[in-house]
Amino acid sequence: MRAELVSIGDEILIGQIVNTNAVFLAKELNRIGVEIAQISSISDQKEIIVNTLDEARKRADIIIMTGGLGPTKDDLTKHTLCEYFEDQLVKDEAVLEHIENIFRKFVTTPISAMNREQAMLPSKAKILHNRYGTAAGMWFMDHGQVFVSLPGVPYEMEALMKNEVLPRIQQQFVLPAIYHKTLLTYGLGESVIAERIEDWENNLPTTIKLAYLPSLGRVRLRLSTIGPELETLKKQINAQIKKVIPLIEDIYFGAEEDQTIEFLIAEQLNRLGKTLSCAESCTGGAIATRFTSQAGASTFFKGSAVTYATDSKTHLLGVEKTIIEKHGVVSGAVAAAMALGAQKKYNSDYALATTGNAGPTKGDQGQEVGTVFIGLASPEGVESFQYNMGNNRTRVIHKTVNQAFEILYKALMKQ
């Protein structure tokens, strides 16, 4: 069973927004056993929509469109679908009542004829109730194929997908099981890992596919398989994981579907009853953001100081000026002093610190772009680590964050 995803809207094509809808849809469909044939982003123009639908139906059993369902004249999807399926618009009284209710309860401006027009919907479509917005979803059946049109607003689309579309797909089709397991590794590059696990990879069953997914400071190894029964697939994948983990044990940090590395760190800190703080310079608060995005982070995370300027390291963290003058602000000594300063300031058991030159030019003291020092203060003392993270500013920042997580996690796992 294959699906094609079509995102409609010029805001995607000009880079004004990121197409997160396609990511969500692909994950949800894959989870229930639907493969993705293609993902497209197109302009909200009649001819383009029609051509895209004609091509999509050659490849897929299910075509899901998002966007183009607003009340304004530039939203053409509904009218185009009506023509495409030789249909006509009719008033849906339930949708109209829902739209009017939204305006009565939540909108200060009066409802307009344009808003009421959103209750005019194709007569051949199964209308999908959008409890969070005014644009209803639509489900068409045509020659055994499913065409779904959903609003582009992410939270509206996600609710419709979970509550309306996925259950209908599961009722309509007999679906196979698809199972993925992604192993998260830190500290070695793709080619080195490939050499380590070459014999294991060569002996994988033909039904199991391995993909290397490298990113900044980490490589994910994704195992995938498809078949009629999910539990059998899980057993097959888990049997292969047991074989490969001993080959990568020193760089293996768990299965990504289960938890991120920051979740693993949080879990271990809570298990030990320990706390963490941060002092960030070159990472600008990115480490703290990753931790505080987790619900319940206050149980282990005490706080963070973004000491970007040199004098803030002295004023906020107590880093002695003589250390900066002697070693330079980008140095192991300063990273260690920052970590100790954060540990003391927030009264935490552990503290991470980062200082470096993310670019695009050399620092005031001649540090090469990409030079980074990470400090870790713990109950056992303080350490600093030096790295060169490359010459791209974004890469330097994100790779430093990942490296800091690796350092902290390894320290915690020794406890």
Protein backbone atom coordinates (compact mmCIF):
# COMPACT_ATOMS: atom_id res chain seq x y z
CA MET A 1 0.00 0.00 0.00
CA ARG A 2 1.56 3.28 -1.15
CA ALA A 3 0.72 6.90 -0.47
CA GLU A 4 1.74 10.18 -2.04
CA LEU A 5 1.87 13.42 -0.06
CA VAL A 6 1.19 16.79 -1.69
CA SER A 7 1.77 20.04 0.18
CA ILE A 8 0.04 23.01 -1.42
CA GLY A 9 1.14 26.60 -0.88
CA ASP A 10 3.62 29.18 -2.16
CA GLU A 11 4.80 29.81 1.41
CA ILE A 12 6.55 26.42 1.27
CA LEU A 13 8.00 26.97 -2.20
CA ILE A 14 9.60 30.32 -1.28
CA GLY A 15 11.02 28.96 1.97
CA GLN A 16 8.79 31.06 4.21
CA ILE A 17 7.81 28.03 6.27
CA VAL A 18 9.26 24.56 6.78
CA ASN A 19 7.12 21.68 5.55
CA THR A 20 6.65 19.92 8.89
CA ASN A 21 3.29 18.54 7.73
CA ALA A 22 4.94 16.10 5.34
CA VAL A 23 7.23 14.82 8.09
CA PHE A 24 4.28 14.16 10.40
CA LEU A 25 2.20 12.50 7.69
CA ALA A 26 5.03 10.25 6.54
CA LYS A 27 5.71 9.02 10.08
CA GLU A 28 2.05 8.37 10.85
CA LEU A 29 1.37 6.54 7.60
CA ASN A 30 4.51 4.47 7.89
CA ARG A 31 3.53 3.51 11.42
CA ILE A 32 0.33 1.82 10.20
CA GLY A 33 2.01 0.08 7.26
CA VAL A 34 1.66 2.57 4.39
CA GLU A 35 4.77 3.23 2.30
CA ILE A 36 5.42 6.72 0.93
CA ALA A 37 5.86 6.81 -2.84
CA GLN A 38 6.64 10.51 -3.21
CA ILE A 39 6.38 13.86 -1.43
CA SER A 40 5.67 17.00 -3.47
CA SER A 41 5.28 20.70 -2.73
CA ILE A 42 3.29 22.67 -5.28
CA SER A 43 1.73 26.07 -5.90
CA ASP A 44 -1.99 26.60 -5.29
CA GLN A 45 -2.84 26.81 -8.99
CA LYS A 46 -5.56 24.80 -10.68
CA GLU A 47 -3.48 23.40 -13.55
CA ILE A 48 -0.61 22.41 -11.25
CA ILE A 49 -2.93 20.69 -8.76
CA VAL A 50 -4.68 18.73 -11.53
CA ASN A 51 -1.40 17.62 -13.14
CA THR A 52 -0.03 16.59 -9.74
CA LEU A 53 -3.12 14.49 -8.99
CA ASP A 54 -2.96 12.82 -12.40
CA GLU A 55 0.66 11.84 -11.82
CA ALA A 56 0.17 10.84 -8.18
CA ARG A 57 -2.61 8.39 -8.95
CA LYS A 58 -0.22 6.48 -11.24
CA ARG A 59 2.06 5.75 -8.28
CA ALA A 60 -0.10 5.58 -5.17
CA ASP A 61 -3.27 4.13 -3.69
CA ILE A 62 -3.70 7.05 -1.28
CA ILE A 63 -3.08 10.72 -2.14
CA ILE A 64 -3.09 13.13 0.79
CA MET A 65 -3.04 16.89 0.20
CA THR A 66 -2.51 19.58 2.79
CA GLY A 67 -3.12 23.31 2.38
CA GLY A 68 -5.12 25.55 0.08
CA LEU A 69 -8.39 25.32 2.03
CA GLY A 70 -8.58 28.82 3.52
CA PRO A 71 -11.42 31.30 3.03
CA THR A 72 -9.57 33.65 0.67
CA LYS A 73 -9.65 33.70 -3.13
CA ASP A 74 -6.09 32.41 -3.47
CA ASP A 75 -7.10 29.09 -1.84
CA LEU A 76 -8.21 27.06 -4.86
CA THR A 77 -7.88 23.46 -3.74
CA LYS A 78 -11.54 22.82 -2.87
CA HIS A 79 -12.82 24.26 -6.16
CA THR A 80 -10.18 22.37 -8.15
CA LEU A 81 -11.11 19.08 -6.48
CA CYS A 82 -14.75 19.73 -7.21
CA GLU A 83 -13.99 20.06 -10.92
CA TYR A 84 -11.53 17.16 -10.87
CA PHE A 85 -14.17 14.74 -9.58
CA GLU A 86 -16.97 16.30 -11.71
CA ASP A 87 -18.76 17.41 -8.58
CA GLN A 88 -20.58 20.46 -7.27
CA LEU A 89 -20.43 22.42 -4.04
CA VAL A 90 -23.30 22.09 -1.58
CA LYS A 91 -23.87 23.67 1.80
CA ASP A 92 -22.98 21.46 4.76
CA GLU A 93 -25.19 22.67 7.60
CA ALA A 94 -23.11 20.92 10.30
CA VAL A 95 -19.92 22.60 9.08
CA LEU A 96 -21.67 25.98 8.88
CA GLU A 97 -22.93 25.65 12.45
CA HIS A 98 -19.40 24.72 13.58
CA ILE A 99 -17.89 27.78 11.82
CA GLU A 100 -20.48 30.12 13.33
CA ASN A 101 -19.88 28.62 16.77
CA ILE A 102 -16.13 29.24 16.47
CA PHE A 103 -16.75 32.90 15.65
CA ARG A 104 -19.22 33.31 18.51
CA LYS A 105 -16.81 31.83 21.07
CA PHE A 106 -13.32 32.72 19.94
CA VAL A 107 -13.26 35.45 17.25
CA THR A 108 -13.80 39.13 18.02
CA THR A 109 -14.43 40.19 14.40
CA PRO A 110 -17.85 39.45 12.84
CA ILE A 111 -18.23 36.38 10.65
CA SER A 112 -18.18 37.22 6.94
CA ALA A 113 -19.74 35.68 3.84
CA MET A 114 -16.27 34.49 2.93
CA ASN A 115 -16.05 32.53 6.18
CA ARG A 116 -19.50 31.01 5.65
CA GLU A 117 -18.40 30.00 2.16
CA GLN A 118 -16.12 27.41 3.79
CA ALA A 119 -19.26 25.38 4.54
CA MET A 120 -19.79 24.92 0.78
CA LEU A 121 -18.18 21.54 0.11
CA PRO A 122 -18.11 18.91 -2.68
CA SER A 123 -21.19 16.67 -2.53
CA LYS A 124 -19.22 13.48 -3.33
CA ALA A 125 -16.73 13.98 -0.49
CA LYS A 126 -16.94 12.45 2.95
CA ILE A 127 -16.58 15.49 5.18
CA LEU A 128 -14.00 15.21 7.96
CA HIS A 129 -14.87 17.32 11.00
CA ASN A 130 -12.16 19.83 11.88
CA ARG A 131 -12.84 20.54 15.55
CA TYR A 132 -10.05 23.15 15.77
CA GLY A 133 -10.67 25.25 12.65
CA THR A 134 -13.07 26.36 9.95
CA ALA A 135 -11.65 24.37 7.01
CA ALA A 136 -13.18 20.88 6.90
CA GLY A 137 -11.21 17.90 5.64
CA MET A 138 -12.45 15.96 2.61
CA TRP A 139 -12.22 12.26 1.71
CA PHE A 140 -12.88 11.15 -1.89
CA MET A 141 -13.01 7.61 -3.29
CA ASP A 142 -12.36 7.32 -7.02
CA HIS A 143 -11.75 4.03 -8.85
CA GLY A 144 -10.56 2.35 -5.66
CA GLN A 145 -8.13 5.15 -4.79
CA VAL A 146 -8.40 7.50 -1.82
CA PHE A 147 -7.90 11.25 -2.15
CA VAL A 148 -7.76 13.24 1.09
CA SER A 149 -7.61 17.02 1.41
CA LEU A 150 -6.62 18.49 4.79
CA PRO A 151 -6.03 22.03 6.06
CA GLY A 152 -2.42 23.18 6.18
CA VAL A 153 -2.47 24.46 9.77
CA PRO A 154 -0.36 21.80 11.53
CA TYR A 155 -2.41 21.26 14.67
CA GLU A 156 -5.63 21.09 12.67
CA MET A 157 -4.13 18.68 10.15
CA GLU A 158 -2.62 16.45 12.86
CA ALA A 159 -5.92 16.10 14.72
CA LEU A 160 -7.80 15.26 11.53
CA MET A 161 -5.17 12.74 10.54
CA LYS A 162 -5.22 10.93 13.88
CA ASN A 163 -8.96 11.05 14.51
CA GLU A 164 -10.41 10.76 11.02
CA VAL A 165 -7.99 9.72 8.28
CA LEU A 166 -5.84 6.99 9.82
CA PRO A 167 -8.81 5.01 11.20
CA ARG A 168 -10.51 5.15 7.80
CA ILE A 169 -7.37 3.98 5.99
CA GLN A 170 -7.04 1.06 8.38
CA GLN A 171 -10.69 0.13 7.78
CA GLN A 172 -10.45 0.55 4.01
CA PHE A 173 -7.27 -1.42 3.30
CA VAL A 174 -5.49 -4.57 4.44
CA LEU A 175 -2.12 -3.17 5.49
CA PRO A 176 1.22 -4.90 6.03
CA ALA A 177 3.36 -4.19 9.05
CA ILE A 178 6.39 -1.92 8.68
CA TYR A 179 8.97 -1.83 11.43
CA HIS A 180 11.98 0.46 11.90
CA LYS A 181 14.54 0.52 14.66
CA THR A 182 17.17 3.26 14.73
CA LEU A 183 20.32 2.90 16.80
CA LEU A 184 21.95 6.13 17.94
CA THR A 185 25.75 6.36 17.99
CA TYR A 186 28.07 9.22 18.93
CA GLY A 187 31.76 9.79 18.41
CA LEU A 188 32.68 7.95 15.20
CA GLY A 189 32.10 8.71 11.53
CA GLU A 190 30.00 6.75 9.07
CA SER A 191 32.90 5.09 7.26
CA VAL A 192 34.60 3.92 10.46
CA ILE A 193 31.36 2.39 11.73
CA ALA A 194 30.76 0.72 8.35
CA GLU A 195 34.16 -0.96 8.58
CA ARG A 196 33.44 -2.20 12.09
CA ILE A 197 30.11 -3.79 11.20
CA GLU A 198 30.87 -4.87 7.64
CA ASP A 199 30.66 -8.63 8.28
CA TRP A 200 27.43 -8.23 10.25
CA GLU A 201 25.91 -6.04 7.53
CA ASN A 202 26.87 -8.50 4.79
CA ASN A 203 25.05 -11.27 6.64
CA LEU A 204 21.79 -9.38 7.20
CA PRO A 205 18.70 -11.19 5.85
CA THR A 206 17.56 -9.79 2.52
CA THR A 207 14.29 -8.71 4.15
CA ILE A 208 16.10 -6.31 6.49
CA LYS A 209 17.52 -3.07 5.12
CA LEU A 210 20.23 -0.99 6.84
CA ALA A 211 20.60 2.76 6.32
CA TYR A 212 23.35 5.03 7.64
CA LEU A 213 22.03 8.45 8.69
CA PRO A 214 25.00 10.69 9.56
CA SER A 215 24.60 14.11 11.14
CA LEU A 216 26.67 16.46 13.29
CA GLY A 217 28.72 14.33 15.67
CA ARG A 218 26.51 11.28 15.44
CA VAL A 219 25.43 8.50 13.11
CA ARG A 220 22.06 6.77 13.23
CA LEU A 221 21.77 3.19 12.00
CA ARG A 222 18.24 2.43 10.84
CA LEU A 223 17.06 -1.15 10.40
CA SER A 224 13.84 -1.56 8.42
CA THR A 225 11.65 -4.47 7.38
CA ILE A 226 8.13 -5.12 6.12
CA GLY A 227 5.88 -8.15 6.45
CA PRO A 228 2.47 -9.45 7.45
CA GLU A 229 2.93 -9.59 11.23
CA LEU A 230 4.47 -6.88 13.43
CA GLU A 231 5.64 -9.02 16.33
CA THR A 232 7.58 -11.30 13.98
CA LEU A 233 9.28 -8.28 12.42
CA LYS A 234 10.24 -6.96 15.85
CA LYS A 235 11.81 -10.28 16.81
CA GLN A 236 13.79 -10.39 13.56
CA ILE A 237 15.11 -6.84 13.99
CA ASN A 238 15.88 -7.29 17.70
CA ALA A 239 17.83 -10.46 16.93
CA GLN A 240 20.07 -8.48 14.58
CA ILE A 241 20.45 -5.64 17.09
CA LYS A 242 21.75 -8.09 19.69
CA LYS A 243 24.44 -9.10 17.22
CA VAL A 244 25.54 -5.59 16.27
CA ILE A 245 25.57 -3.85 19.66
CA PRO A 246 28.75 -5.62 20.87
CA LEU A 247 30.50 -4.22 17.76
CA ILE A 248 29.53 -0.62 18.59
CA GLU A 249 29.11 -0.80 22.35
CA ASP A 250 31.55 2.05 23.07
CA ILE A 251 29.59 4.49 20.86
CA TYR A 252 26.03 3.18 21.28
CA PHE A 253 23.58 5.41 23.13
CA GLY A 254 20.28 3.60 22.70
CA ALA A 255 17.42 3.36 20.25
CA GLU A 256 16.27 6.73 18.93
CA GLU A 257 12.58 5.78 18.71
CA ASP A 258 12.60 5.12 22.42
CA GLN A 259 14.48 8.19 23.64
CA THR A 260 16.86 10.97 22.66
CA ILE A 261 20.25 11.31 24.30
CA GLU A 262 19.02 14.27 26.37
CA PHE A 263 16.20 12.05 27.61
CA LEU A 264 18.71 9.36 28.55
CA ILE A 265 20.76 11.95 30.43
CA ALA A 266 17.67 13.20 32.25
CA GLU A 267 16.68 9.64 33.13
CA GLN A 268 20.13 8.88 34.54
CA LEU A 269 20.32 12.13 36.52
CA ASN A 270 16.93 11.41 38.07
CA ARG A 271 17.93 7.84 38.84
CA LEU A 272 21.06 9.06 40.61
CA GLY A 273 19.23 11.93 42.29
CA LYS A 274 21.70 14.41 40.76
CA THR A 275 21.27 17.84 39.16
CA LEU A 276 22.74 19.69 36.19
CA SER A 277 23.46 23.27 35.16
CA CYS A 278 25.09 24.87 32.11
CA ALA A 279 27.34 27.77 31.19
CA GLU A 280 27.22 28.39 27.45
CA SER A 281 29.20 30.73 25.26
CA CYS A 282 29.55 29.52 21.66
CA THR A 283 26.38 27.37 21.87
CA GLY A 284 24.28 30.34 22.98
CA GLY A 285 21.77 28.42 25.09
CA ALA A 286 21.25 25.51 22.68
CA ILE A 287 22.14 22.91 25.32
CA ALA A 288 19.69 24.36 27.83
CA THR A 289 16.98 24.49 25.15
CA ARG A 290 17.33 20.78 24.45
CA PHE A 291 17.00 19.92 28.14
CA THR A 292 14.17 22.30 28.99
CA SER A 293 12.08 21.13 26.04
CA GLN A 294 11.45 17.98 28.08
CA ALA A 295 8.48 17.91 30.42
CA GLY A 296 9.62 17.67 34.03
CA ALA A 297 13.10 19.08 33.36
CA SER A 298 12.93 21.05 36.61
CA THR A 299 13.53 17.82 38.54
CA PHE A 300 17.16 17.74 37.39
CA PHE A 301 17.97 20.99 35.53
CA LYS A 302 18.91 23.88 37.82
CA GLY A 303 19.59 26.62 35.28
CA SER A 304 21.88 28.00 32.60
CA ALA A 305 24.00 31.10 32.05
CA VAL A 306 24.59 32.26 28.47
CA THR A 307 27.86 34.12 28.99
CA TYR A 308 28.57 35.11 25.42
CA ALA A 309 30.65 38.20 26.15
CA THR A 310 34.00 37.83 27.88
CA ASP A 311 33.15 40.06 30.85
CA SER A 312 29.95 38.07 31.56
CA LYS A 313 32.08 35.02 32.23
CA THR A 314 33.78 36.97 34.99
CA HIS A 315 30.72 38.76 36.38
CA LEU A 316 28.23 35.89 36.27
CA LEU A 317 30.42 32.82 36.67
CA GLY A 318 33.36 34.17 38.63
CA VAL A 319 35.96 33.20 36.03
CA GLU A 320 39.13 35.00 37.10
CA LYS A 321 40.45 37.63 34.71
CA THR A 322 43.96 36.26 35.12
CA ILE A 323 42.84 32.90 33.68
CA ILE A 324 41.35 34.62 30.63
CA GLU A 325 44.42 36.84 30.19
CA LYS A 326 46.81 33.90 30.47
CA HIS A 327 44.98 31.27 28.42
CA GLY A 328 42.51 33.19 26.27
CA VAL A 329 38.73 33.05 26.41
CA VAL A 330 38.69 30.04 24.08
CA SER A 331 40.69 27.61 26.15
CA GLY A 332 40.44 24.53 28.30
CA ALA A 333 41.19 26.54 31.41
CA VAL A 334 38.27 28.90 30.79
CA ALA A 335 35.90 26.02 29.92
CA ALA A 336 36.81 24.34 33.21
CA ALA A 337 36.41 27.59 35.16
CA MET A 338 33.02 28.23 33.53
CA ALA A 339 31.82 24.74 34.47
CA LEU A 340 32.95 25.21 38.06
CA GLY A 341 31.31 28.64 38.13
CA ALA A 342 27.97 27.22 36.95
CA GLN A 343 28.21 24.32 39.38
CA LYS A 344 28.68 26.78 42.23
CA LYS A 345 26.17 29.39 41.02
CA TYR A 346 23.34 26.89 40.63
CA ASN A 347 24.43 24.48 43.36
CA SER A 348 24.27 21.56 40.93
CA ASP A 349 26.08 18.23 40.99
CA TYR A 350 27.13 18.44 37.34
CA ALA A 351 27.76 21.40 35.06
CA LEU A 352 28.49 21.63 31.34
CA ALA A 353 30.31 24.58 29.79
CA THR A 354 31.15 25.53 26.22
CA THR A 355 33.50 28.14 24.84
CA GLY A 356 34.77 28.34 21.30
CA ASN A 357 35.03 30.16 18.01
CA ALA A 358 32.07 29.25 15.82
CA GLY A 359 33.19 31.67 13.10
CA PRO A 360 33.02 33.04 10.54
CA THR A 361 36.41 34.65 11.32
CA LYS A 362 39.28 34.00 13.70
CA GLY A 363 38.79 35.11 17.28
CA ASP A 364 40.43 38.12 18.92
CA GLN A 365 43.23 35.90 20.18
CA GLY A 366 43.73 34.10 16.87
CA GLN A 367 41.74 30.96 17.60
CA GLU A 368 40.93 29.02 14.44
CA VAL A 369 37.28 28.78 13.41
CA GLY A 370 35.84 25.58 14.83
CA THR A 371 38.05 25.47 17.92
CA VAL A 372 35.85 24.47 20.85
CA PHE A 373 36.45 23.57 24.48
CA ILE A 374 33.86 21.75 26.57
CA GLY A 375 34.09 21.73 30.34
CA LEU A 376 32.47 19.22 32.66
CA ALA A 377 32.32 19.73 36.41
CA SER A 378 31.19 16.75 38.47
CA PRO A 379 31.36 15.58 42.08
CA GLU A 380 34.71 14.01 41.16
CA GLY A 381 36.26 17.23 39.84
CA VAL A 382 36.48 19.15 36.58
CA GLU A 383 37.74 18.26 33.10
CA SER A 384 37.99 20.08 29.78
CA PHE A 385 38.03 18.68 26.27
CA GLN A 386 39.28 20.28 23.05
CA TYR A 387 37.80 19.76 19.58
CA ASN A 388 37.84 21.22 16.09
CA MET A 389 34.28 21.19 14.79
CA GLY A 390 34.92 22.43 11.24
CA ASN A 391 34.46 25.83 9.61
CA ASN A 392 30.68 26.15 9.27
CA ARG A 393 29.08 28.15 12.06
CA THR A 394 25.86 26.12 12.27
CA ARG A 395 27.82 22.87 12.15
CA VAL A 396 30.16 24.03 14.92
CA ILE A 397 27.29 24.93 17.25
CA HIS A 398 25.22 21.79 16.75
CA LYS A 399 28.21 19.46 16.79
CA THR A 400 29.37 21.05 20.06
CA VAL A 401 25.96 20.44 21.61
CA ASN A 402 26.03 16.78 20.57
CA GLN A 403 29.59 16.36 21.83
CA ALA A 404 28.70 17.90 25.18
CA PHE A 405 25.83 15.43 25.54
CA GLU A 406 28.19 12.56 24.78
CA ILE A 407 30.70 13.70 27.39
CA LEU A 408 28.05 14.10 30.07
CA TYR A 409 26.30 10.83 29.29
CA LYS A 410 29.51 8.82 29.47
CA ALA A 411 30.33 10.41 32.82
CA LEU A 412 26.90 9.61 34.20
CA MET A 413 26.98 6.01 33.03
CA LYS A 414 30.08 5.41 35.13
CA GLN A 415 28.06 6.04 38.29
